[in-house]
N, C-alpha and C. Protein backbone atom coordinates (compact mmCIF):
# COMPACT_ATOMS: atom_id res chain seq x y z
N UNK A 1 0.90 -1.35 -0.07
CA UNK A 1 0.11 0.37 0.17
C UNK A 1 0.77 1.60 -0.32
N UNK A 2 0.23 2.21 -0.56
CA UNK A 2 0.80 3.32 -0.82
C UNK A 2 0.09 4.76 -1.41
N UNK A 3 0.28 5.82 -0.19
CA UNK A 3 0.13 6.90 -1.02
C UNK A 3 0.73 8.13 -1.34
N UNK A 4 0.59 8.86 -2.72
CA UNK A 4 1.35 9.73 -3.06
C UNK A 4 0.51 10.90 -3.47
N UNK A 5 1.35 11.68 -2.77
CA UNK A 5 0.67 13.37 -2.78
C UNK A 5 1.90 14.43 -3.71
N UNK A 6 1.52 14.29 -4.84
CA UNK A 6 2.68 15.49 -5.63
C UNK A 6 2.46 16.96 -5.40
N UNK A 7 2.74 17.94 -5.44
CA UNK A 7 2.62 19.50 -5.13
C UNK A 7 1.48 19.47 -4.82
N UNK A 8 0.60 18.90 -3.90
CA UNK A 8 -1.03 19.59 -3.99
C UNK A 8 -1.15 20.41 -2.60
N UNK A 9 -2.41 21.34 -3.21
CA UNK A 9 -2.90 22.19 -3.02
C UNK A 9 -4.10 23.05 -3.10
N UNK A 10 -4.95 23.58 -1.99
CA UNK A 10 -6.08 24.19 -2.52
C UNK A 10 -6.39 25.37 -1.93
N UNK A 11 -7.02 26.45 -2.61
CA UNK A 11 -7.66 27.59 -2.23
C UNK A 11 -8.54 28.01 -2.72
N UNK A 12 -9.52 28.89 -2.01
CA UNK A 12 -10.35 29.55 -2.10
C UNK A 12 -10.33 30.92 -2.61
N UNK A 13 -11.51 31.37 -3.24
CA UNK A 13 -11.24 32.72 -3.76
C UNK A 13 -9.72 33.58 -4.19
N UNK A 14 -8.95 32.76 -4.01
CA UNK A 14 -7.96 32.95 -4.40
C UNK A 14 -6.44 33.50 -3.34
N UNK A 15 -7.83 32.70 -2.12
CA UNK A 15 -6.29 32.07 -0.53
C UNK A 15 -6.09 30.78 -0.98
N UNK A 16 -5.23 30.55 -0.64
CA UNK A 16 -4.19 29.41 -0.15
C UNK A 16 -4.93 28.68 1.10
N UNK A 17 -5.40 27.48 0.90
CA UNK A 17 -5.38 27.30 2.21
C UNK A 17 -4.82 26.27 2.83
N UNK A 18 -4.03 25.46 1.70
CA UNK A 18 -2.80 24.77 2.16
C UNK A 18 -2.16 24.31 0.82
N UNK A 19 -0.43 24.04 0.93
CA UNK A 19 0.04 23.78 -0.03
C UNK A 19 0.95 24.83 -0.49
N UNK A 20 1.95 23.95 -1.69
CA UNK A 20 1.60 22.75 -2.41
C UNK A 20 2.51 21.36 -1.24
N UNK A 21 2.25 20.75 -1.35
CA UNK A 21 2.35 20.08 -0.27
C UNK A 21 2.80 18.31 -1.05
N UNK A 22 4.28 17.85 -1.03
CA UNK A 22 4.54 16.83 -1.34
C UNK A 22 5.05 15.73 -0.30
N UNK A 23 4.20 14.50 -0.14
CA UNK A 23 4.94 13.55 0.45
C UNK A 23 4.03 12.25 0.36
N UNK A 24 4.76 10.61 1.02
CA UNK A 24 4.25 9.74 0.72
C UNK A 24 3.88 9.18 1.98
N UNK A 25 2.93 8.28 1.97
CA UNK A 25 2.95 7.69 3.38
C UNK A 25 2.97 6.00 2.73
N UNK A 26 3.14 4.36 3.48
CA UNK A 26 3.44 3.64 2.92
C UNK A 26 2.68 2.58 3.59
N UNK A 27 2.22 1.72 3.64
CA UNK A 27 1.58 0.75 4.08
C UNK A 27 2.40 0.51 4.89
N UNK A 28 1.36 0.12 6.44
CA UNK A 28 2.01 0.21 7.64
C UNK A 28 2.65 1.40 7.96
N UNK A 29 2.30 2.28 7.67
CA UNK A 29 3.19 3.18 8.66
C UNK A 29 0.63 4.95 9.25
N UNK A 30 1.12 5.32 10.05
CA UNK A 30 0.53 6.29 10.36
C UNK A 30 0.97 7.89 10.08
N UNK A 31 0.29 9.15 9.29
CA UNK A 31 0.58 9.92 9.29
C UNK A 31 -0.13 10.68 10.19
N UNK A 32 0.30 11.93 11.01
CA UNK A 32 -0.42 12.83 11.47
C UNK A 32 -0.22 14.20 10.83
N UNK A 33 -1.75 15.04 10.43
CA UNK A 33 -1.16 15.66 10.30
C UNK A 33 -2.11 17.04 11.67
N UNK A 34 -1.06 17.97 11.86
CA UNK A 34 -1.01 18.75 12.95
C UNK A 34 -1.19 20.62 12.45
N UNK A 35 -1.43 21.24 13.33
CA UNK A 35 -2.03 22.59 12.46
C UNK A 35 -2.47 23.45 13.16
N UNK A 36 -3.01 24.74 13.64
CA UNK A 36 -3.39 25.45 13.95
C UNK A 36 -5.16 25.47 13.42
N UNK A 37 -5.75 25.50 14.23
CA UNK A 37 -7.01 25.98 13.66
C UNK A 37 -7.34 27.25 11.91
N UNK A 38 -8.08 26.55 11.16
CA UNK A 38 -7.74 27.42 9.70
C UNK A 38 -6.58 27.42 9.01
N UNK A 39 -5.60 26.00 9.61
CA UNK A 39 -4.17 24.99 8.50
C UNK A 39 -4.89 24.71 7.52
N UNK A 40 -6.04 24.24 7.44
CA UNK A 40 -6.01 22.96 6.60
C UNK A 40 -6.18 21.67 6.90
N UNK A 41 -6.19 21.26 7.83
CA UNK A 41 -5.89 19.68 7.49
C UNK A 41 -7.26 19.35 7.90
N UNK A 42 -8.43 19.64 8.28
CA UNK A 42 -9.66 18.88 7.27
C UNK A 42 -9.72 18.83 6.36
N UNK A 43 -9.37 20.33 5.31
CA UNK A 43 -9.38 20.44 4.02
C UNK A 43 -8.41 19.28 3.62
N UNK A 44 -7.49 19.37 4.24
CA UNK A 44 -5.89 18.23 3.26
C UNK A 44 -6.84 16.69 3.25
N UNK A 45 -7.68 16.82 4.52
CA UNK A 45 -7.97 14.96 4.31
C UNK A 45 -8.92 15.27 3.20
N UNK A 46 -10.01 16.32 3.21
CA UNK A 46 -10.89 15.66 2.70
C UNK A 46 -11.09 15.92 0.82
N UNK A 47 -9.41 16.89 0.70
CA UNK A 47 -9.04 16.37 -0.90
C UNK A 47 -8.60 15.08 -1.15
N UNK A 48 -7.88 14.59 -0.17
CA UNK A 48 -7.26 13.26 0.18
C UNK A 48 -8.38 12.23 -0.23
N UNK A 49 -9.51 12.24 0.73
CA UNK A 49 -10.55 11.16 0.10
C UNK A 49 -11.04 11.76 -1.13
N UNK A 50 -11.10 12.76 -1.91
CA UNK A 50 -12.03 12.89 -3.01
C UNK A 50 -12.61 14.23 -3.36
N UNK A 51 -13.18 14.31 -1.59
CA UNK A 51 -14.43 15.27 -1.66
C UNK A 51 -14.13 16.33 -1.83
N UNK A 52 -12.86 17.18 -2.12
CA UNK A 52 -13.02 18.09 -2.63
C UNK A 52 -11.64 17.99 -4.04
N UNK A 53 -11.65 19.03 -4.51
CA UNK A 53 -10.92 18.85 -5.94
C UNK A 53 -9.77 19.72 -5.03
N UNK A 54 -8.72 19.20 -5.37
CA UNK A 54 -7.30 19.76 -5.28
C UNK A 54 -7.00 21.33 -6.14
N UNK A 55 -6.72 22.18 -5.68
CA UNK A 55 -6.56 23.78 -6.84
C UNK A 55 -5.45 23.20 -7.92
N UNK A 56 -4.39 22.00 -7.17
CA UNK A 56 -3.30 22.23 -7.93
C UNK A 56 -2.90 20.77 -7.60
N UNK A 57 -1.79 19.82 -7.97
CA UNK A 57 -1.36 18.66 -7.60
C UNK A 57 -2.16 17.39 -7.66
N UNK A 58 -1.80 16.61 -6.99
CA UNK A 58 -2.80 14.95 -7.73
C UNK A 58 -2.38 14.16 -6.04
N UNK A 59 -2.78 13.10 -6.04
CA UNK A 59 -3.20 11.90 -5.46
C UNK A 59 -3.32 11.09 -5.67
N UNK A 60 -2.59 10.16 -5.55
CA UNK A 60 -2.69 8.47 -5.78
C UNK A 60 -2.50 8.01 -4.61
N UNK A 61 -2.86 6.19 -5.42
CA UNK A 61 -2.83 5.14 -3.81
C UNK A 61 -2.81 4.29 -4.93
N UNK A 62 -1.83 3.26 -3.92
CA UNK A 62 -0.99 2.43 -4.76
C UNK A 62 -1.42 1.05 -3.54
N UNK A 63 -2.52 -0.37 -4.72
CA UNK A 63 -2.49 -0.97 -3.11
C UNK A 63 -1.24 -2.18 -3.58
N UNK A 64 -1.70 -3.53 -3.24
CA UNK A 64 -0.69 -4.77 -3.45
C UNK A 64 -0.44 -5.03 -4.59
N UNK A 65 -1.53 -4.55 -5.68
CA UNK A 65 -1.34 -5.18 -6.92
C UNK A 65 -2.13 -4.58 -7.79
N UNK A 66 -2.43 -4.12 -8.83
CA UNK A 66 -3.16 -3.55 -9.92
C UNK A 66 -2.75 -1.97 -10.10
N UNK A 67 -3.00 -1.15 -10.93
CA UNK A 67 -2.72 -0.20 -11.39
C UNK A 67 -2.55 0.68 -10.03
N UNK A 68 -2.61 1.92 -9.98
CA UNK A 68 -2.39 3.39 -9.66
C UNK A 68 -3.94 3.66 -9.60
N UNK A 69 -4.63 3.83 -8.16
CA UNK A 69 -5.53 4.29 -8.11
C UNK A 69 -6.16 6.13 -7.90
N UNK A 70 -6.90 6.99 -8.76
CA UNK A 70 -7.46 8.44 -7.98
C UNK A 70 -8.24 8.12 -7.22
N UNK A 71 -8.23 9.41 -6.54
CA UNK A 71 -9.65 9.24 -5.19
C UNK A 71 -10.75 8.43 -5.65
N UNK A 72 -11.52 8.55 -7.19
CA UNK A 72 -12.44 8.10 -7.41
C UNK A 72 -12.68 6.92 -7.36
N UNK A 73 -11.35 6.23 -7.52
CA UNK A 73 -11.18 4.83 -7.80
C UNK A 73 -10.98 4.05 -6.89
N UNK A 74 -10.50 4.54 -6.08
CA UNK A 74 -10.14 4.30 -4.39
C UNK A 74 -11.07 4.55 -3.20
N UNK A 75 -12.28 4.79 -3.85
CA UNK A 75 -13.53 4.62 -2.76
C UNK A 75 -14.06 3.39 -1.56
N UNK A 76 -13.73 2.33 -3.09
CA UNK A 76 -14.31 1.10 -2.72
C UNK A 76 -13.13 0.41 -1.37
N UNK A 77 -11.93 1.29 -0.80
CA UNK A 77 -11.14 0.99 -0.33
C UNK A 77 -10.47 1.91 0.59
N UNK A 78 -11.24 2.89 0.78
CA UNK A 78 -11.16 3.78 2.01
C UNK A 78 -12.12 4.13 2.55
N UNK A 79 -11.53 4.58 4.00
CA UNK A 79 -12.31 4.24 5.12
C UNK A 79 -12.26 5.89 5.22
N UNK A 80 -13.04 6.05 6.26
CA UNK A 80 -13.41 7.92 6.55
C UNK A 80 -14.68 8.02 7.66
N UNK A 81 -13.88 8.85 8.65
CA UNK A 81 -14.65 9.44 9.97
C UNK A 81 -14.27 10.50 10.07
N UNK A 82 -15.59 11.79 10.37
CA UNK A 82 -15.08 13.18 10.49
C UNK A 82 -16.13 13.24 10.78
N UNK A 83 -15.98 15.05 12.13
CA UNK A 83 -17.17 15.38 13.02
C UNK A 83 -18.12 15.87 12.02
N UNK A 84 -18.36 16.26 11.09
CA UNK A 84 -18.82 16.59 10.28
C UNK A 84 -19.59 15.18 8.84
N UNK A 85 -19.26 13.97 9.41
CA UNK A 85 -19.69 13.00 8.35
C UNK A 85 -21.60 12.52 9.13
N UNK A 86 -22.06 12.59 8.16
CA UNK A 86 -23.55 12.54 8.03
C UNK A 86 -24.02 11.04 8.63
N UNK A 87 -24.54 10.68 10.04
CA UNK A 87 -25.43 9.33 10.10
C UNK A 87 -26.87 9.82 10.06
N UNK A 88 -27.46 8.83 9.67
CA UNK A 88 -28.90 8.99 9.63
C UNK A 88 -29.84 8.97 11.13
N UNK A 89 -29.79 10.10 11.67
CA UNK A 89 -30.65 10.16 13.06
C UNK A 89 -31.75 9.17 13.03
N UNK A 90 -32.48 8.65 11.82
CA UNK A 90 -34.12 7.76 12.38
C UNK A 90 -33.44 6.47 12.26
N UNK A 91 -32.20 6.06 11.89
CA UNK A 91 -31.75 4.63 11.62
C UNK A 91 -30.92 4.08 12.27
N UNK A 92 -30.83 3.17 13.18
CA UNK A 92 -30.20 2.24 14.68
C UNK A 92 -28.37 2.33 13.30
N UNK A 93 -27.82 2.23 14.49
CA UNK A 93 -26.57 1.60 14.20
C UNK A 93 -26.45 0.92 13.27
N UNK A 94 -26.92 -0.20 13.30
CA UNK A 94 -26.75 -1.92 12.14
C UNK A 94 -27.51 -1.23 10.65
N UNK A 95 -28.31 -0.40 11.00
CA UNK A 95 -29.01 0.47 9.87
C UNK A 95 -28.01 1.03 8.84
N UNK A 96 -27.69 2.08 9.88
CA UNK A 96 -26.43 3.22 8.83
C UNK A 96 -25.62 2.07 8.44
N UNK A 97 -25.15 1.14 9.30
CA UNK A 97 -24.11 0.87 8.65
C UNK A 97 -24.53 -0.12 7.79
N UNK A 98 -25.77 -1.08 7.50
CA UNK A 98 -26.27 -1.46 6.36
C UNK A 98 -26.72 -0.82 4.70
N UNK A 99 -27.36 0.07 5.69
CA UNK A 99 -27.32 1.15 4.27
C UNK A 99 -25.86 1.73 3.69
N UNK A 100 -25.19 2.10 4.40
CA UNK A 100 -24.00 2.62 3.36
C UNK A 100 -22.97 1.68 2.92
N UNK A 101 -23.37 0.34 3.54
CA UNK A 101 -22.72 -1.03 2.65
C UNK A 101 -23.57 -1.17 1.65
N UNK A 102 -24.72 -1.06 1.40
CA UNK A 102 -25.70 -1.18 0.32
C UNK A 102 -25.64 0.07 -0.98
N UNK A 103 -25.67 0.84 -0.96
CA UNK A 103 -25.47 2.28 -1.26
C UNK A 103 -23.77 2.19 -1.73
N UNK A 104 -23.00 1.44 -1.30
CA UNK A 104 -21.69 1.99 -2.46
C UNK A 104 -21.29 0.13 -2.94
N UNK A 105 -22.61 -1.01 -2.54
CA UNK A 105 -22.73 -1.82 -3.81
C UNK A 105 -21.76 -3.23 -3.07
N UNK A 106 -21.61 -3.16 -1.74
CA UNK A 106 -20.79 -4.23 -0.73
C UNK A 106 -21.82 -5.35 -0.08
N UNK A 107 -22.00 -6.33 0.05
CA UNK A 107 -22.84 -7.09 1.00
C UNK A 107 -22.67 -6.67 2.33
N UNK A 108 -23.19 -7.18 3.07
CA UNK A 108 -23.42 -6.24 4.14
C UNK A 108 -23.71 -7.63 5.29
N UNK A 109 -22.51 -7.50 6.33
CA UNK A 109 -21.98 -9.13 7.69
C UNK A 109 -22.82 -8.22 8.69
N UNK A 110 -23.81 -8.85 9.00
CA UNK A 110 -24.42 -8.17 10.23
C UNK A 110 -23.72 -8.70 11.61
N UNK A 111 -23.18 -9.90 11.24
CA UNK A 111 -22.72 -10.67 12.82
C UNK A 111 -21.35 -9.98 12.76
N UNK A 112 -20.90 -9.93 11.80
CA UNK A 112 -19.61 -8.83 11.56
C UNK A 112 -19.71 -7.46 12.21
N UNK A 113 -20.82 -7.10 11.25
CA UNK A 113 -21.02 -5.43 12.19
C UNK A 113 -21.56 -5.76 13.65
N UNK A 114 -22.27 -6.47 13.74
CA UNK A 114 -22.37 -6.40 15.64
C UNK A 114 -21.15 -6.51 16.81
N UNK A 115 -19.98 -6.90 16.08
CA UNK A 115 -18.54 -7.03 16.61
C UNK A 115 -17.96 -6.24 16.65
N UNK A 116 -18.24 -5.57 15.29
CA UNK A 116 -17.23 -4.19 15.59
C UNK A 116 -17.79 -3.09 15.79
N UNK A 117 -18.79 -2.91 16.45
CA UNK A 117 -20.09 -2.39 17.07
C UNK A 117 -19.77 -2.55 18.70
N UNK A 118 -19.79 -3.77 19.34
CA UNK A 118 -19.32 -3.78 20.61
C UNK A 118 -17.73 -3.97 20.75
N UNK A 119 -16.60 -4.14 19.32
CA UNK A 119 -15.19 -4.08 19.72
C UNK A 119 -14.63 -2.41 20.24
N UNK A 120 -15.95 -1.88 19.82
CA UNK A 120 -15.75 -0.12 19.98
C UNK A 120 -15.63 0.54 21.04
N UNK A 121 -17.28 -0.33 22.16
CA UNK A 121 -17.49 -0.07 23.35
C UNK A 121 -18.41 0.35 22.96
N UNK A 122 -19.22 0.40 22.16
CA UNK A 122 -20.73 0.52 22.21
C UNK A 122 -22.08 -0.26 22.59
N UNK A 123 -22.44 0.02 23.42
CA UNK A 123 -23.52 -0.94 24.27
C UNK A 123 -24.75 -1.20 23.08
N UNK A 124 -24.79 -2.73 23.62
CA UNK A 124 -26.13 -3.54 22.53
C UNK A 124 -27.39 -2.60 21.53
N UNK A 125 -27.30 -2.13 22.79
CA UNK A 125 -28.92 -0.82 22.43
C UNK A 125 -28.39 0.18 20.89
N UNK A 126 -27.08 -0.20 20.77
CA UNK A 126 -26.88 1.37 19.84
C UNK A 126 -26.95 0.11 18.17
N UNK A 127 -27.10 -0.94 18.02
CA UNK A 127 -27.53 -1.60 17.34
C UNK A 127 -29.09 -1.19 16.82
N UNK A 128 -29.52 -1.02 17.54
CA UNK A 128 -31.23 -0.97 17.35
C UNK A 128 -32.24 -0.44 17.16
N UNK A 129 -31.14 1.13 18.37
CA UNK A 129 -32.05 2.04 18.80
C UNK A 129 -31.98 3.20 17.84
N UNK A 130 -32.59 4.15 18.06
CA UNK A 130 -32.07 5.47 16.72
C UNK A 130 -30.83 6.24 17.05
N UNK A 131 -30.14 6.21 15.96
CA UNK A 131 -28.87 6.74 16.23
C UNK A 131 -28.97 8.15 17.07
N UNK A 132 -30.17 9.10 16.90
CA UNK A 132 -30.30 10.60 17.55
C UNK A 132 -30.45 10.26 18.87
N UNK A 133 -30.55 9.08 19.63
CA UNK A 133 -30.83 8.33 20.65
C UNK A 133 -29.38 8.43 21.50
N UNK A 134 -28.41 8.32 20.39
CA UNK A 134 -27.04 8.15 21.54
C UNK A 134 -26.33 9.04 21.62
N UNK A 135 -25.88 9.10 22.63
CA UNK A 135 -24.98 10.63 22.59
C UNK A 135 -23.88 10.74 22.43
N UNK A 136 -23.12 11.62 22.55
CA UNK A 136 -22.10 12.42 21.02
C UNK A 136 -20.93 11.24 21.23
N UNK A 137 -20.17 11.22 22.65
CA UNK A 137 -19.38 10.40 22.10
C UNK A 137 -19.67 8.41 21.58
N UNK A 138 -20.73 8.43 21.65
CA UNK A 138 -21.75 6.90 21.05
C UNK A 138 -21.37 7.34 19.24
N UNK A 139 -22.12 7.98 18.73
CA UNK A 139 -22.20 8.27 18.35
C UNK A 139 -21.37 8.82 17.11
N UNK A 140 -19.56 9.19 17.63
CA UNK A 140 -18.26 9.12 17.03
C UNK A 140 -18.21 8.04 16.84
N UNK A 141 -17.92 6.88 18.36
CA UNK A 141 -17.84 5.72 17.97
C UNK A 141 -18.11 4.59 16.89
N UNK A 142 -19.79 5.13 16.79
CA UNK A 142 -20.29 4.40 14.92
C UNK A 142 -19.66 5.42 14.55
N UNK A 143 -19.04 6.61 14.27
CA UNK A 143 -18.42 7.30 12.51
C UNK A 143 -17.12 5.90 12.99
N UNK A 144 -16.54 5.82 14.01
CA UNK A 144 -15.26 5.11 13.83
C UNK A 144 -15.99 3.39 12.93
N UNK A 145 -17.14 2.75 13.47
CA UNK A 145 -17.44 1.48 13.46
C UNK A 145 -17.49 2.04 11.22
N UNK A 146 -18.27 2.30 11.35
CA UNK A 146 -18.27 3.34 9.72
C UNK A 146 -17.12 3.10 8.77
N UNK A 147 -15.97 3.99 9.48
CA UNK A 147 -14.85 4.13 8.76
C UNK A 147 -14.39 2.61 8.67
N UNK A 148 -13.98 1.85 9.69
CA UNK A 148 -13.61 0.78 9.94
C UNK A 148 -14.37 -0.78 9.57
N UNK A 149 -15.57 -0.77 9.04
CA UNK A 149 -16.17 -2.34 9.03
C UNK A 149 -16.16 -2.65 7.44
N UNK A 150 -15.29 -1.84 6.45
CA UNK A 150 -14.93 -2.84 5.17
C UNK A 150 -13.56 -3.20 5.46
N UNK A 151 -13.02 -2.58 6.40
CA UNK A 151 -11.53 -3.37 6.60
C UNK A 151 -10.60 -2.37 5.48
N UNK A 152 -10.74 -0.92 5.90
CA UNK A 152 -10.32 -0.50 4.50
C UNK A 152 -8.71 -0.25 4.32
N UNK A 153 -8.13 -0.42 3.15
CA UNK A 153 -6.76 -0.20 3.02
C UNK A 153 -6.19 1.21 2.86
N UNK A 154 -6.58 2.29 3.04
CA UNK A 154 -6.63 3.37 3.57
C UNK A 154 -7.22 3.97 4.28
N UNK A 155 -7.34 4.65 5.68
CA UNK A 155 -8.31 4.83 6.75
C UNK A 155 -7.75 5.95 7.11
N UNK A 156 -8.74 7.16 6.33
CA UNK A 156 -8.90 8.87 6.98
C UNK A 156 -9.31 8.97 8.32
N UNK A 157 -8.84 9.55 9.48
CA UNK A 157 -9.53 9.81 10.86
C UNK A 157 -8.98 11.29 10.93
N UNK A 158 -10.28 12.48 10.74
CA UNK A 158 -10.49 13.29 11.55
C UNK A 158 -10.83 13.94 12.40
N UNK A 159 -9.50 14.29 13.47
CA UNK A 159 -9.78 14.28 15.51
C UNK A 159 -10.61 13.27 15.87
N UNK A 160 -10.41 11.79 15.44
CA UNK A 160 -11.11 10.74 15.53
C UNK A 160 -11.49 10.27 17.49
N UNK A 161 -10.18 11.59 18.21
CA UNK A 161 -10.61 11.23 19.49
C UNK A 161 -11.61 12.16 20.09
N UNK A 162 -12.48 12.90 19.29
CA UNK A 162 -13.34 14.15 19.63
C UNK A 162 -14.49 13.44 20.56
N UNK A 163 -14.75 14.26 21.78
CA UNK A 163 -16.39 13.88 22.57
C UNK A 163 -15.98 12.31 22.66
N UNK A 164 -14.11 11.60 22.89
CA UNK A 164 -14.39 10.19 23.52
C UNK A 164 -13.85 10.68 25.14
N UNK A 165 -13.92 9.42 25.84
CA UNK A 165 -13.22 9.25 26.99
C UNK A 165 -11.76 8.43 27.30
N UNK A 166 -11.57 7.93 27.82
CA UNK A 166 -10.25 7.16 28.37
C UNK A 166 -10.19 6.22 27.60
N UNK A 167 -11.84 5.40 27.50
CA UNK A 167 -11.61 3.90 27.07
C UNK A 167 -12.15 4.30 25.59
N UNK A 168 -12.89 5.60 25.09
CA UNK A 168 -13.01 5.70 23.68
C UNK A 168 -11.57 5.95 22.83
N UNK A 169 -10.81 6.59 23.54
CA UNK A 169 -9.60 6.93 22.61
C UNK A 169 -8.42 5.29 22.69
N UNK A 170 -8.52 4.75 23.81
CA UNK A 170 -8.52 3.18 23.25
C UNK A 170 -8.77 2.67 22.01
N UNK A 171 -9.86 2.39 22.49
CA UNK A 171 -10.55 2.04 21.02
C UNK A 171 -9.76 2.76 19.33
N UNK A 172 -9.67 4.00 19.47
CA UNK A 172 -8.87 4.36 18.31
C UNK A 172 -7.82 4.34 18.08
N UNK A 173 -7.45 4.23 19.39
CA UNK A 173 -5.50 3.36 19.09
C UNK A 173 -5.56 1.88 18.39
N UNK A 174 -6.91 1.59 19.45
CA UNK A 174 -6.61 0.06 18.67
C UNK A 174 -6.98 -0.24 17.42
N UNK A 175 -7.81 0.70 16.48
CA UNK A 175 -7.94 1.08 15.25
C UNK A 175 -6.78 1.15 14.71
N UNK A 176 -6.09 2.20 14.86
CA UNK A 176 -4.66 2.28 13.93
C UNK A 176 -3.51 1.59 14.31
N UNK A 177 -3.47 0.60 15.22
CA UNK A 177 -3.00 -0.14 15.48
C UNK A 177 -3.11 -1.43 14.41
N UNK A 178 -4.57 -1.72 14.21
CA UNK A 178 -5.01 -2.64 13.48
C UNK A 178 -4.72 -2.71 12.07
N UNK A 179 -4.87 -1.38 11.84
CA UNK A 179 -4.98 -0.57 10.20
C UNK A 179 -3.40 -0.91 9.90
N UNK A 180 -2.28 -0.51 9.99
CA UNK A 180 -0.85 -0.26 10.30
C UNK A 180 -0.63 -2.34 9.79
N UNK A 181 -1.07 -2.58 11.93
CA UNK A 181 -0.22 -4.22 11.42
C UNK A 181 -0.89 -4.96 10.38
N UNK A 182 -1.96 -4.51 9.80
CA UNK A 182 -2.06 -5.22 8.40
C UNK A 182 -1.84 -4.77 7.13
N UNK A 183 -0.74 -3.52 7.30
CA UNK A 183 -0.09 -3.00 5.84
C UNK A 183 -0.72 -2.28 5.46
N UNK A 184 -1.86 -1.76 6.31
CA UNK A 184 -2.86 -0.63 5.09
C UNK A 184 -1.90 0.75 5.80
N UNK A 185 -2.80 1.88 5.03
CA UNK A 185 -2.02 3.41 5.30
C UNK A 185 -3.04 4.06 6.39
N UNK A 186 -2.61 4.60 7.50
CA UNK A 186 -3.74 5.83 8.09
C UNK A 186 -2.83 6.95 7.96
N UNK A 187 -4.28 7.76 7.96
CA UNK A 187 -3.57 9.22 8.06
C UNK A 187 -4.82 9.98 9.63
N UNK A 188 -4.14 10.83 10.31
CA UNK A 188 -5.01 11.40 11.33
C UNK A 188 -4.87 12.59 11.49
N UNK A 189 -6.03 13.66 11.10
CA UNK A 189 -5.39 14.83 11.35
C UNK A 189 -6.33 15.47 12.48
N UNK A 190 -5.57 16.27 13.04
CA UNK A 190 -5.88 16.32 14.71
C UNK A 190 -5.10 17.89 15.41
N UNK A 191 -5.44 17.57 16.45
CA UNK A 191 -4.30 18.87 17.36
C UNK A 191 -4.70 18.15 18.67
N UNK A 192 -5.07 17.25 18.77
CA UNK A 192 -5.06 16.28 20.58
C UNK A 192 -3.92 15.66 20.28
N UNK A 193 -2.72 15.89 21.28
CA UNK A 193 -1.76 15.23 21.51
C UNK A 193 -1.79 13.36 21.38
N UNK A 194 -2.95 13.33 21.84
CA UNK A 194 -3.17 11.81 21.99
C UNK A 194 -3.20 11.13 20.46
N UNK A 195 -3.86 11.49 19.99
CA UNK A 195 -3.79 11.64 18.30
C UNK A 195 -2.85 11.62 17.92
N UNK A 196 -2.07 12.56 17.72
CA UNK A 196 -0.77 12.68 17.01
C UNK A 196 0.30 11.29 17.43
N UNK A 197 0.07 11.39 18.94
CA UNK A 197 1.08 10.08 19.23
C UNK A 197 0.78 8.79 18.49
N UNK A 198 -0.69 8.69 18.06
CA UNK A 198 -1.06 7.28 17.36
C UNK A 198 0.27 6.92 15.88
N UNK A 199 0.67 8.49 15.70
CA UNK A 199 1.19 8.52 14.34
C UNK A 199 3.02 8.47 14.21
N UNK A 200 3.16 7.36 13.16
CA UNK A 200 4.65 7.40 12.54
C UNK A 200 5.60 8.67 12.52
N UNK A 201 4.72 9.63 11.70
CA UNK A 201 4.85 10.56 11.66
C UNK A 201 4.85 11.73 11.56
N UNK A 202 4.38 12.96 11.81
CA UNK A 202 3.53 14.40 11.62
C UNK A 202 4.38 15.11 10.47
N UNK A 203 3.49 15.44 9.84
CA UNK A 203 3.29 16.48 9.21
C UNK A 203 2.41 18.32 9.39
N UNK A 204 2.87 18.90 9.86
CA UNK A 204 3.00 20.07 10.29
C UNK A 204 2.37 21.53 9.37
N UNK A 205 1.48 22.01 9.20
CA UNK A 205 0.66 22.11 8.82
C UNK A 205 1.09 23.89 9.13
N UNK A 206 1.22 24.68 10.08
CA UNK A 206 1.70 25.71 10.94
C UNK A 206 0.68 26.18 11.30
N UNK A 207 0.79 27.94 11.14
CA UNK A 207 -0.22 28.66 11.99
C UNK A 207 -1.35 28.77 11.50
N UNK A 208 -1.82 28.24 10.22
CA UNK A 208 -3.62 28.57 9.89
C UNK A 208 -3.28 29.79 8.86
N UNK A 209 -4.26 30.22 8.10
CA UNK A 209 -4.35 31.73 7.98
C UNK A 209 -5.26 32.42 7.85
């Protein structure tokens, strides 16, 4: 596995948000992205994920076999969790995971999903009650379940420990450890020293704009 960013930058209305940046993250590694508020951490992560087009440069992904993939082709192999990830409040945890699997063209394994929810410390009721009734921390754990339920090759986490207690952080640490241990790539955007401590290297975007 490998992620390659070449001269990547993003601007809005003539104002540069970040870049140009060139870096690589190999399989088995976790890269932390740090920087003050407004430095472009979330924008960079969304650009890597293909949710925002770069103004200049490119991001490519390599798996263990096959050609390089762009941000569109890599989507089946990418996991994403972020504060603005929208879950359906009227659906249960299992129903949310099932829905996102189905719209992505993936078969849904309910038993495996239940195991994933429990491994992240979610109570059993989270599988069956409307997501809107869960606490903020429980919804954050559900987002992490969403990001990892398809065993992604590339895992992108934006502020993964937000609203989580010590037990929740240990779940985040376990996710990153699992991802890198099996040769996947992890990228963590955060200002939380706990999150950045999970990374083997850090890219500092600086003071912001």
